[in-house]
């Protein structure tokens, strides 16, 4: 019988560095929130780019889940442009 190590989230399985795994998890959650807003508002990529103050290719990256293209800072700034705040809790 083989016992496998369990992970709290997928990023822990993908990334050996715990700090990087946490960073990826946070960016992923922020990107999901932005994508959901775009979909719920029925925005096209050009419209979304105007709302978030970025170029259309950045929205394409967001919609395709290209997490490596975004920093936490950039994602938080994009959320602020639509009146969203980010609340963090260290545990």
Protein backbone atom coordinates (compact mmCIF):
# COMPACT_ATOMS: atom_id res chain seq x y z
CA UNK A 1 0.00 0.00 0.00
CA UNK A 2 1.24 3.49 -0.87
CA UNK A 3 0.23 6.54 1.11
CA UNK A 4 0.36 9.83 -0.75
CA UNK A 5 0.92 13.22 0.80
CA UNK A 6 -2.23 15.34 0.81
CA UNK A 7 -2.26 18.95 -0.31
CA UNK A 8 -4.46 21.80 0.85
CA UNK A 9 -4.64 23.23 -2.66
CA UNK A 10 -3.46 22.38 -6.15
CA UNK A 11 -0.65 24.93 -6.04
CA UNK A 12 1.05 23.10 -3.18
CA UNK A 13 1.22 20.07 -5.43
CA UNK A 14 2.64 22.08 -8.33
CA UNK A 15 5.12 24.27 -6.47
CA UNK A 16 7.82 23.13 -4.03
CA UNK A 17 8.22 26.59 -2.50
CA UNK A 18 5.36 27.22 -0.02
CA UNK A 19 5.59 31.00 -0.52
CA UNK A 20 5.23 30.66 -4.28
CA UNK A 21 2.35 28.21 -3.88
CA UNK A 22 0.53 30.74 -1.69
CA UNK A 23 1.26 33.53 -4.19
CA UNK A 24 -0.19 31.43 -7.02
CA UNK A 25 -3.29 30.64 -4.96
CA UNK A 26 -3.92 34.31 -4.21
CA UNK A 27 -3.42 35.36 -7.84
CA UNK A 28 -5.73 32.59 -8.98
CA UNK A 29 -8.51 33.70 -6.63
CA UNK A 30 -8.17 37.33 -7.75
CA UNK A 31 -8.21 36.33 -11.41
CA UNK A 32 -11.35 34.24 -10.89
CA UNK A 33 -13.08 37.23 -9.29
CA UNK A 34 -12.14 39.49 -12.22
CA UNK A 35 -13.18 36.95 -14.81
CA UNK A 36 -16.53 36.41 -13.07
CA UNK A 37 -17.14 40.17 -13.05
CA UNK A 38 -16.42 40.41 -16.79
CA UNK A 39 -18.74 37.50 -17.56
CA UNK A 40 -21.54 38.71 -15.25
CA UNK A 41 -21.35 42.23 -16.71
CA UNK A 42 -21.41 40.83 -20.25
CA UNK A 43 -18.32 42.80 -21.20
CA UNK A 44 -16.32 42.12 -24.33
CA UNK A 45 -12.56 42.16 -24.06
CA UNK A 46 -12.21 45.71 -25.40
CA UNK A 47 -14.87 46.98 -22.99
CA UNK A 48 -13.27 45.16 -20.08
CA UNK A 49 -9.87 46.59 -20.99
CA UNK A 50 -11.31 50.11 -20.85
CA UNK A 51 -12.94 49.44 -17.47
CA UNK A 52 -9.75 48.02 -15.96
CA UNK A 53 -7.35 50.48 -17.58
CA UNK A 54 -5.36 47.84 -19.46
CA UNK A 55 -4.88 46.82 -23.07
CA UNK A 56 -7.13 44.16 -24.60
CA UNK A 57 -4.38 41.50 -24.77
CA UNK A 58 -4.15 41.64 -20.96
CA UNK A 59 -7.85 40.78 -20.73
CA UNK A 60 -7.25 37.90 -23.12
CA UNK A 61 -4.47 36.69 -20.81
CA UNK A 62 -6.83 36.98 -17.84
CA UNK A 63 -9.64 35.08 -19.55
CA UNK A 64 -7.23 32.32 -20.57
CA UNK A 65 -5.91 31.95 -17.04
CA UNK A 66 -2.34 32.99 -17.82
CA UNK A 67 -1.46 33.45 -14.18
CA UNK A 68 2.23 34.13 -14.91
CA UNK A 69 1.28 37.38 -16.66
CA UNK A 70 -0.14 39.02 -13.52
CA UNK A 71 1.18 40.21 -10.18
CA UNK A 72 -0.93 40.45 -7.05
CA UNK A 73 -0.49 44.24 -7.18
CA UNK A 74 -1.84 44.48 -10.73
CA UNK A 75 -4.83 42.28 -9.95
CA UNK A 76 -5.68 44.27 -6.80
CA UNK A 77 -5.46 47.51 -8.81
CA UNK A 78 -7.81 46.09 -11.45
CA UNK A 79 -10.30 45.10 -8.75
CA UNK A 80 -10.12 48.58 -7.23
CA UNK A 81 -11.19 50.07 -10.57
CA UNK A 82 -14.54 48.31 -10.21
CA UNK A 83 -14.96 49.24 -6.56
CA UNK A 84 -13.90 45.90 -5.13
CA UNK A 85 -11.68 45.68 -2.08
CA UNK A 86 -9.41 42.80 -1.19
CA UNK A 87 -9.41 41.57 2.38
CA UNK A 88 -6.55 39.37 3.47
CA UNK A 89 -6.28 37.27 6.58
CA UNK A 90 -3.01 35.75 7.70
CA UNK A 91 -3.51 32.43 9.41
